[in-house]
N, C-alpha and C. Protein backbone atom coordinates (compact mmCIF):
# COMPACT_ATOMS: atom_id res chain seq x y z
N UNK A 1 0.84 -1.20 0.00
CA UNK A 1 0.00 0.00 0.00
C UNK A 1 0.88 1.25 0.00
N UNK A 2 0.55 2.18 -0.85
CA UNK A 2 1.32 3.41 -0.94
C UNK A 2 0.92 4.37 0.18
N UNK A 3 1.91 5.02 0.78
CA UNK A 3 1.67 5.99 1.83
C UNK A 3 1.13 7.27 1.21
N UNK A 4 0.02 7.76 1.75
CA UNK A 4 -0.58 9.02 1.29
C UNK A 4 -0.02 10.14 2.17
N UNK A 5 0.67 11.09 1.53
CA UNK A 5 1.45 12.11 2.25
C UNK A 5 0.82 13.49 2.12
N UNK A 6 0.79 14.19 3.26
CA UNK A 6 0.34 15.58 3.32
C UNK A 6 1.47 16.43 3.90
N UNK A 7 1.76 17.53 3.25
CA UNK A 7 2.77 18.48 3.73
C UNK A 7 2.02 19.74 4.16
N UNK A 8 1.96 19.95 5.48
CA UNK A 8 1.25 21.09 6.08
C UNK A 8 2.29 22.08 6.55
N UNK A 9 2.06 23.37 6.30
CA UNK A 9 3.05 24.35 6.77
C UNK A 9 2.43 25.71 7.01
N UNK A 10 3.10 26.48 7.89
CA UNK A 10 2.83 27.90 8.06
C UNK A 10 4.14 28.61 7.75
N UNK A 11 4.06 29.67 6.96
CA UNK A 11 5.25 30.43 6.61
C UNK A 11 4.97 31.91 6.76
N UNK A 12 5.85 32.61 7.45
CA UNK A 12 5.70 34.05 7.59
C UNK A 12 6.56 34.80 6.57
N UNK A 13 7.81 34.37 6.41
CA UNK A 13 8.73 35.09 5.54
C UNK A 13 9.04 34.35 4.25
N UNK A 14 8.36 33.29 3.97
CA UNK A 14 8.48 32.43 2.78
C UNK A 14 9.56 31.36 2.89
N UNK A 15 10.37 31.35 3.94
CA UNK A 15 11.39 30.31 4.09
C UNK A 15 10.75 28.93 4.30
N UNK A 16 9.77 28.86 5.19
CA UNK A 16 9.12 27.58 5.46
C UNK A 16 8.33 27.12 4.24
N UNK A 17 7.76 28.06 3.49
CA UNK A 17 7.04 27.71 2.25
C UNK A 17 8.01 27.06 1.27
N UNK A 18 9.19 27.62 1.11
CA UNK A 18 10.20 27.06 0.20
C UNK A 18 10.57 25.65 0.62
N UNK A 19 10.77 25.45 1.92
CA UNK A 19 11.13 24.13 2.42
C UNK A 19 9.97 23.14 2.22
N UNK A 20 8.74 23.60 2.46
CA UNK A 20 7.56 22.75 2.27
C UNK A 20 7.44 22.30 0.82
N UNK A 21 7.71 23.21 -0.11
CA UNK A 21 7.64 22.86 -1.54
C UNK A 21 8.68 21.80 -1.89
N UNK A 22 9.86 21.89 -1.29
CA UNK A 22 10.88 20.87 -1.55
C UNK A 22 10.44 19.52 -1.01
N UNK A 23 9.87 19.50 0.20
CA UNK A 23 9.37 18.25 0.78
C UNK A 23 8.27 17.68 -0.11
N UNK A 24 7.38 18.53 -0.55
CA UNK A 24 6.27 18.10 -1.42
C UNK A 24 6.78 17.51 -2.73
N UNK A 25 7.72 18.21 -3.36
CA UNK A 25 8.26 17.74 -4.65
C UNK A 25 8.99 16.41 -4.50
N UNK A 26 9.73 16.25 -3.41
CA UNK A 26 10.54 15.04 -3.22
C UNK A 26 9.74 13.84 -2.71
N UNK A 27 8.54 14.08 -2.17
CA UNK A 27 7.71 12.98 -1.68
C UNK A 27 6.51 12.70 -2.59
N UNK A 28 6.12 13.68 -3.38
CA UNK A 28 4.92 13.54 -4.20
C UNK A 28 3.65 13.74 -3.39
N UNK A 29 3.79 14.28 -2.17
CA UNK A 29 2.63 14.52 -1.31
C UNK A 29 1.81 15.72 -1.73
N UNK A 30 0.71 15.92 -1.03
CA UNK A 30 -0.13 17.09 -1.25
C UNK A 30 0.33 18.21 -0.32
N UNK A 31 0.12 19.45 -0.75
CA UNK A 31 0.57 20.61 -0.01
C UNK A 31 -0.62 21.36 0.57
N UNK A 32 -0.51 21.77 1.85
CA UNK A 32 -1.57 22.54 2.50
C UNK A 32 -0.94 23.66 3.32
N UNK A 33 -1.29 24.90 2.99
CA UNK A 33 -0.75 26.04 3.73
C UNK A 33 -1.70 26.46 4.84
N UNK A 34 -1.17 26.60 6.03
CA UNK A 34 -1.92 27.11 7.17
C UNK A 34 -1.88 28.64 7.07
N UNK A 35 -3.04 29.26 6.93
CA UNK A 35 -3.11 30.71 6.80
C UNK A 35 -3.97 31.26 7.93
N UNK A 36 -3.38 32.10 8.80
CA UNK A 36 -4.19 32.69 9.87
C UNK A 36 -5.16 33.73 9.31
N UNK A 37 -6.31 33.90 10.00
CA UNK A 37 -7.28 34.91 9.56
C UNK A 37 -6.65 36.30 9.58
N UNK A 38 -5.89 36.58 10.63
CA UNK A 38 -5.25 37.89 10.76
C UNK A 38 -3.75 37.71 10.50
N UNK A 39 -3.27 38.40 9.48
CA UNK A 39 -1.86 38.27 9.10
C UNK A 39 -0.94 38.85 10.18
N UNK A 40 0.23 38.27 10.29
CA UNK A 40 1.23 38.77 11.23
C UNK A 40 1.88 40.03 10.67
N UNK A 41 2.38 40.90 11.55
CA UNK A 41 3.04 42.12 11.07
C UNK A 41 4.26 41.79 10.20
N UNK A 42 4.58 42.66 9.28
CA UNK A 42 5.74 42.46 8.41
C UNK A 42 7.04 42.78 9.15
N UNK A 43 6.98 43.74 10.04
CA UNK A 43 8.16 44.19 10.79
C UNK A 43 8.63 43.10 11.76
N UNK A 44 9.91 42.73 11.66
CA UNK A 44 10.46 41.63 12.44
C UNK A 44 10.23 41.79 13.95
N UNK A 45 10.56 42.93 14.50
CA UNK A 45 10.42 43.13 15.95
C UNK A 45 8.97 43.00 16.41
N UNK A 46 8.04 43.43 15.58
CA UNK A 46 6.61 43.32 15.91
C UNK A 46 6.16 41.85 15.92
N UNK A 47 6.66 41.08 14.96
CA UNK A 47 6.33 39.65 14.89
C UNK A 47 6.88 38.94 16.14
N UNK A 48 8.13 39.24 16.48
CA UNK A 48 8.79 38.63 17.64
C UNK A 48 7.98 38.92 18.91
N UNK A 49 7.57 40.16 19.07
CA UNK A 49 6.79 40.55 20.26
C UNK A 49 5.45 39.82 20.29
N UNK A 50 4.74 39.80 19.17
CA UNK A 50 3.43 39.14 19.10
C UNK A 50 3.58 37.64 19.36
N UNK A 51 4.58 37.02 18.75
CA UNK A 51 4.80 35.57 18.92
C UNK A 51 5.08 35.24 20.38
N UNK A 52 5.84 36.08 21.05
CA UNK A 52 6.16 35.85 22.47
C UNK A 52 4.89 35.91 23.32
N UNK A 53 4.06 36.91 23.07
CA UNK A 53 2.80 37.06 23.81
C UNK A 53 1.87 35.87 23.56
N UNK A 54 1.78 35.44 22.30
CA UNK A 54 0.92 34.30 21.97
C UNK A 54 1.38 33.03 22.67
N UNK A 55 2.69 32.83 22.70
CA UNK A 55 3.24 31.64 23.34
C UNK A 55 2.98 31.66 24.84
N UNK A 56 3.21 32.83 25.46
CA UNK A 56 3.00 32.96 26.91
C UNK A 56 1.57 32.62 27.31
N UNK A 57 0.62 33.03 26.50
CA UNK A 57 -0.79 32.82 26.83
C UNK A 57 -1.38 31.58 26.15
N UNK A 58 -0.56 30.83 25.40
CA UNK A 58 -1.00 29.69 24.60
C UNK A 58 -2.14 30.09 23.66
N UNK A 59 -2.05 31.31 23.14
CA UNK A 59 -3.04 31.82 22.19
C UNK A 59 -2.94 31.04 20.88
N UNK A 60 -4.08 30.67 20.36
CA UNK A 60 -4.13 29.97 19.08
C UNK A 60 -4.95 30.83 18.11
N UNK A 61 -4.28 31.47 17.15
CA UNK A 61 -5.00 32.33 16.21
C UNK A 61 -5.97 31.54 15.34
N UNK A 62 -7.07 32.15 15.00
CA UNK A 62 -8.05 31.53 14.10
C UNK A 62 -7.41 31.38 12.72
N UNK A 63 -7.79 30.30 12.04
CA UNK A 63 -7.23 30.02 10.72
C UNK A 63 -8.23 30.32 9.61
N UNK A 64 -7.71 30.81 8.51
CA UNK A 64 -8.50 31.10 7.32
C UNK A 64 -8.70 29.82 6.50
N UNK A 65 -7.70 28.95 6.50
CA UNK A 65 -7.74 27.74 5.68
C UNK A 65 -8.27 26.57 6.50
N UNK A 66 -9.03 25.71 5.85
CA UNK A 66 -9.60 24.52 6.49
C UNK A 66 -9.23 23.30 5.66
N UNK A 67 -8.79 22.26 6.33
CA UNK A 67 -8.45 21.00 5.67
C UNK A 67 -9.65 20.08 5.76
N UNK A 68 -10.09 19.57 4.61
CA UNK A 68 -11.32 18.78 4.59
C UNK A 68 -11.10 17.27 4.70
N UNK A 69 -9.92 16.78 4.33
CA UNK A 69 -9.78 15.34 4.18
C UNK A 69 -8.56 14.76 4.88
N UNK A 70 -8.29 15.15 6.09
CA UNK A 70 -7.13 14.65 6.82
C UNK A 70 -7.14 13.13 6.94
N UNK A 71 -8.31 12.54 7.03
CA UNK A 71 -8.42 11.08 7.18
C UNK A 71 -7.79 10.34 6.01
N UNK A 72 -7.65 10.98 4.86
CA UNK A 72 -7.10 10.34 3.68
C UNK A 72 -5.58 10.13 3.75
N UNK A 73 -4.93 10.73 4.74
CA UNK A 73 -3.47 10.72 4.80
C UNK A 73 -2.94 9.85 5.94
N UNK A 74 -1.83 9.15 5.66
CA UNK A 74 -1.15 8.34 6.68
C UNK A 74 0.03 9.09 7.27
N UNK A 75 0.64 9.94 6.47
CA UNK A 75 1.88 10.63 6.82
C UNK A 75 1.66 12.12 6.69
N UNK A 76 1.99 12.86 7.77
CA UNK A 76 1.80 14.31 7.75
C UNK A 76 3.12 14.98 8.14
N UNK A 77 3.65 15.78 7.22
CA UNK A 77 4.79 16.63 7.52
C UNK A 77 4.24 17.95 8.03
N UNK A 78 4.83 18.47 9.10
CA UNK A 78 4.37 19.74 9.66
C UNK A 78 5.53 20.72 9.69
N UNK A 79 5.36 21.83 8.94
CA UNK A 79 6.42 22.83 8.83
C UNK A 79 6.06 24.13 9.52
N UNK A 80 7.07 24.71 10.18
CA UNK A 80 6.87 25.96 10.91
C UNK A 80 8.19 26.69 11.07
N UNK A 81 8.13 28.01 11.16
CA UNK A 81 9.32 28.71 11.63
C UNK A 81 9.48 28.44 13.13
N UNK A 82 10.68 28.51 13.63
CA UNK A 82 10.92 28.38 15.07
C UNK A 82 10.73 29.76 15.67
N UNK A 83 9.66 29.91 16.43
CA UNK A 83 9.37 31.18 17.10
C UNK A 83 9.46 30.91 18.60
N UNK A 84 10.42 31.54 19.24
CA UNK A 84 10.62 31.40 20.68
C UNK A 84 10.83 29.94 21.08
N UNK A 85 11.57 29.21 20.25
CA UNK A 85 11.96 27.85 20.61
C UNK A 85 10.95 26.77 20.26
N UNK A 86 9.87 27.13 19.60
CA UNK A 86 8.84 26.14 19.28
C UNK A 86 8.09 26.55 18.00
N UNK A 87 7.04 25.82 17.68
CA UNK A 87 6.26 26.12 16.47
C UNK A 87 5.46 27.41 16.65
N UNK A 88 5.16 28.05 15.53
CA UNK A 88 4.38 29.29 15.51
C UNK A 88 2.93 29.03 15.91
N UNK A 89 2.26 30.09 16.37
CA UNK A 89 0.86 30.01 16.80
C UNK A 89 -0.08 29.34 15.82
N UNK A 90 -0.03 29.68 14.53
CA UNK A 90 -0.95 29.03 13.59
C UNK A 90 -0.76 27.51 13.52
N UNK A 91 0.45 27.03 13.74
CA UNK A 91 0.68 25.58 13.76
C UNK A 91 0.09 24.98 15.03
N UNK A 92 0.20 25.67 16.14
CA UNK A 92 -0.44 25.19 17.38
C UNK A 92 -1.96 25.10 17.18
N UNK A 93 -2.53 26.08 16.48
CA UNK A 93 -3.97 26.04 16.19
C UNK A 93 -4.30 24.81 15.35
N UNK A 94 -3.52 24.59 14.28
CA UNK A 94 -3.75 23.43 13.42
C UNK A 94 -3.71 22.15 14.23
N UNK A 95 -2.71 22.01 15.09
CA UNK A 95 -2.57 20.79 15.89
C UNK A 95 -3.73 20.62 16.88
N UNK A 96 -4.29 21.73 17.35
CA UNK A 96 -5.44 21.67 18.26
C UNK A 96 -6.73 21.33 17.50
N UNK A 97 -6.80 21.77 16.25
CA UNK A 97 -8.04 21.60 15.46
C UNK A 97 -8.16 20.24 14.78
N UNK A 98 -7.04 19.55 14.57
CA UNK A 98 -7.06 18.30 13.81
C UNK A 98 -6.46 17.17 14.62
N UNK A 99 -7.09 16.01 14.55
CA UNK A 99 -6.66 14.82 15.28
C UNK A 99 -5.70 14.01 14.41
N UNK A 100 -4.46 13.89 14.86
CA UNK A 100 -3.44 13.17 14.09
C UNK A 100 -3.17 11.78 14.66
N UNK A 101 -4.06 11.31 15.53
CA UNK A 101 -3.89 9.98 16.12
C UNK A 101 -3.79 8.93 15.01
N UNK A 102 -2.83 8.02 15.16
CA UNK A 102 -2.65 6.94 14.20
C UNK A 102 -1.83 7.32 12.97
N UNK A 103 -1.46 8.58 12.87
CA UNK A 103 -0.68 9.04 11.72
C UNK A 103 0.80 9.15 12.08
N UNK A 104 1.66 9.08 11.08
CA UNK A 104 3.08 9.38 11.26
C UNK A 104 3.24 10.87 11.00
N UNK A 105 3.99 11.54 11.85
CA UNK A 105 4.16 12.99 11.77
C UNK A 105 5.65 13.31 11.79
N UNK A 106 6.10 14.13 10.85
CA UNK A 106 7.50 14.55 10.81
C UNK A 106 7.57 16.07 10.74
N UNK A 107 8.17 16.70 11.75
CA UNK A 107 8.30 18.16 11.74
C UNK A 107 9.47 18.64 10.89
N UNK A 108 9.29 19.79 10.26
CA UNK A 108 10.42 20.48 9.64
C UNK A 108 10.32 21.95 10.03
N UNK A 109 11.47 22.49 10.43
CA UNK A 109 11.52 23.79 11.07
C UNK A 109 12.53 24.68 10.37
N UNK A 110 12.17 25.94 10.15
CA UNK A 110 13.15 26.92 9.68
C UNK A 110 13.51 27.80 10.86
N UNK A 111 14.75 28.25 10.88
CA UNK A 111 15.26 29.02 12.04
C UNK A 111 16.43 29.87 11.58
N UNK A 112 16.90 30.70 12.46
CA UNK A 112 18.10 31.50 12.18
C UNK A 112 19.15 31.26 13.25
N UNK A 113 19.26 30.03 13.71
CA UNK A 113 20.31 29.68 14.65
C UNK A 113 19.84 28.85 15.83
N UNK A 114 18.53 28.74 16.00
CA UNK A 114 18.00 28.03 17.18
C UNK A 114 17.61 26.58 16.89
N UNK A 115 17.78 26.11 15.67
CA UNK A 115 17.49 24.73 15.33
C UNK A 115 16.04 24.35 15.58
N UNK A 116 15.83 23.10 15.99
CA UNK A 116 14.48 22.58 16.25
C UNK A 116 13.88 23.18 17.51
N UNK A 117 14.74 23.61 18.45
CA UNK A 117 14.22 24.04 19.74
C UNK A 117 13.43 22.89 20.35
N UNK A 118 12.28 23.18 20.93
CA UNK A 118 11.43 22.13 21.51
C UNK A 118 10.27 21.78 20.58
N UNK A 119 10.38 22.16 19.30
CA UNK A 119 9.28 21.95 18.35
C UNK A 119 8.82 20.50 18.27
N UNK A 120 9.76 19.56 18.11
CA UNK A 120 9.36 18.15 17.97
C UNK A 120 8.66 17.66 19.23
N UNK A 121 9.20 18.00 20.39
CA UNK A 121 8.59 17.58 21.66
C UNK A 121 7.20 18.21 21.82
N UNK A 122 7.09 19.50 21.46
CA UNK A 122 5.80 20.19 21.58
C UNK A 122 4.76 19.63 20.61
N UNK A 123 5.19 19.30 19.40
CA UNK A 123 4.27 18.67 18.44
C UNK A 123 3.81 17.32 18.99
N UNK A 124 4.75 16.56 19.54
CA UNK A 124 4.42 15.25 20.10
C UNK A 124 3.37 15.37 21.20
N UNK A 125 3.50 16.37 22.07
CA UNK A 125 2.53 16.59 23.16
C UNK A 125 1.15 16.91 22.61
N UNK A 126 1.11 17.59 21.47
CA UNK A 126 -0.16 18.03 20.89
C UNK A 126 -0.76 17.00 19.92
N UNK A 127 -0.05 15.88 19.74
CA UNK A 127 -0.51 14.84 18.82
C UNK A 127 -0.54 13.48 19.52
N UNK A 128 -1.37 13.32 20.55
CA UNK A 128 -1.42 12.03 21.23
C UNK A 128 -1.83 10.93 20.26
N UNK A 129 -1.12 9.80 20.35
CA UNK A 129 -1.45 8.67 19.49
C UNK A 129 -0.80 8.71 18.13
N UNK A 130 -0.08 9.77 17.82
CA UNK A 130 0.64 9.85 16.54
C UNK A 130 2.07 9.34 16.76
N UNK A 131 2.68 8.87 15.69
CA UNK A 131 4.08 8.47 15.72
C UNK A 131 4.90 9.65 15.21
N UNK A 132 5.74 10.21 16.08
CA UNK A 132 6.54 11.37 15.69
C UNK A 132 7.89 10.88 15.16
N UNK A 133 8.18 11.23 13.93
CA UNK A 133 9.43 10.83 13.29
C UNK A 133 10.48 11.92 13.47
N UNK A 134 11.72 11.58 13.16
CA UNK A 134 12.80 12.56 13.25
C UNK A 134 12.49 13.75 12.37
N UNK A 135 12.79 14.93 12.90
CA UNK A 135 12.52 16.16 12.17
C UNK A 135 13.75 16.70 11.46
N UNK A 136 13.55 17.79 10.76
CA UNK A 136 14.61 18.48 10.04
C UNK A 136 14.54 19.96 10.37
N UNK A 137 15.69 20.53 10.73
CA UNK A 137 15.79 21.97 10.97
C UNK A 137 16.74 22.56 9.93
N UNK A 138 16.30 23.62 9.27
CA UNK A 138 17.11 24.26 8.24
C UNK A 138 17.13 25.76 8.52
N UNK A 139 18.34 26.32 8.47
CA UNK A 139 18.48 27.77 8.64
C UNK A 139 17.71 28.45 7.51
N UNK A 140 16.88 29.42 7.87
CA UNK A 140 16.04 30.11 6.89
C UNK A 140 16.82 30.68 5.72
N UNK A 141 17.98 31.23 6.02
CA UNK A 141 18.79 31.83 4.96
C UNK A 141 19.40 30.78 4.02
N UNK A 142 19.27 29.50 4.37
CA UNK A 142 19.84 28.42 3.55
C UNK A 142 18.80 27.55 2.85
N UNK A 143 17.52 27.88 2.97
CA UNK A 143 16.49 26.97 2.45
C UNK A 143 16.58 26.75 0.94
N UNK A 144 16.97 27.77 0.19
CA UNK A 144 17.03 27.62 -1.26
C UNK A 144 18.10 26.60 -1.69
N UNK A 145 19.11 26.39 -0.84
CA UNK A 145 20.17 25.43 -1.18
C UNK A 145 20.09 24.17 -0.31
N UNK A 146 18.93 23.91 0.28
CA UNK A 146 18.78 22.80 1.24
C UNK A 146 18.25 21.51 0.61
N UNK A 147 18.04 21.49 -0.68
CA UNK A 147 17.39 20.33 -1.31
C UNK A 147 18.11 19.02 -1.01
N UNK A 148 19.45 19.02 -1.01
CA UNK A 148 20.16 17.76 -0.74
C UNK A 148 19.97 17.34 0.72
N UNK A 149 19.90 18.30 1.65
CA UNK A 149 19.61 17.97 3.06
C UNK A 149 18.21 17.40 3.21
N UNK A 150 17.26 18.01 2.51
CA UNK A 150 15.87 17.53 2.55
C UNK A 150 15.81 16.12 1.98
N UNK A 151 16.47 15.91 0.87
CA UNK A 151 16.48 14.60 0.22
C UNK A 151 17.10 13.53 1.13
N UNK A 152 18.19 13.87 1.77
CA UNK A 152 18.86 12.94 2.70
C UNK A 152 17.94 12.60 3.88
N UNK A 153 17.26 13.60 4.42
CA UNK A 153 16.32 13.40 5.53
C UNK A 153 15.18 12.47 5.10
N UNK A 154 14.61 12.74 3.93
CA UNK A 154 13.49 11.92 3.44
C UNK A 154 13.95 10.49 3.15
N UNK A 155 15.17 10.34 2.67
CA UNK A 155 15.71 9.01 2.43
C UNK A 155 15.80 8.24 3.74
N UNK A 156 16.27 8.90 4.82
CA UNK A 156 16.35 8.26 6.14
C UNK A 156 14.97 7.83 6.64
N UNK A 157 13.96 8.64 6.33
CA UNK A 157 12.59 8.33 6.74
C UNK A 157 11.93 7.32 5.79
N UNK A 158 12.63 6.98 4.71
CA UNK A 158 12.11 6.07 3.69
C UNK A 158 10.87 6.65 3.02
N UNK A 159 10.89 7.98 2.77
CA UNK A 159 9.74 8.64 2.18
C UNK A 159 10.08 9.41 0.90
N UNK A 160 11.28 9.20 0.39
CA UNK A 160 11.69 9.84 -0.85
C UNK A 160 11.01 9.11 -1.99
N UNK A 161 10.34 9.86 -2.88
CA UNK A 161 9.62 9.16 -3.98
C UNK A 161 10.58 8.65 -5.02
């Protein structure tokens, strides 16, 4: 039986979107962008401040996009920028809104020096009953040249098409 793959991501500055597209192309999975109803500020310092406040209060922003057929997928890649050591608010909302029990989940994170942070552990806590696979962290400034790293990661997961 062929594994049905979904690549879910939230991207603020387009780095995570670029990485998600590489995962999608290399796996043949479907792509789904998490879009919050209210866009985040463009100014870096404003985003940092808002993200910190959201994390402190465990705020989950409302989402504009809705996924209709999660049951059709066995494998879900979840992409996010690393904001304050973990996944961004819209990803926390997605994880709260959708039940990933019984699915394999692999996180991929973009960052500017903080790596995965606690993203994989936090995703695991929010996905009871899911199998959390090894994740991939890529520096945002390097995503355009990360295809070989992505390919190597997917090969290790046995998910390269």
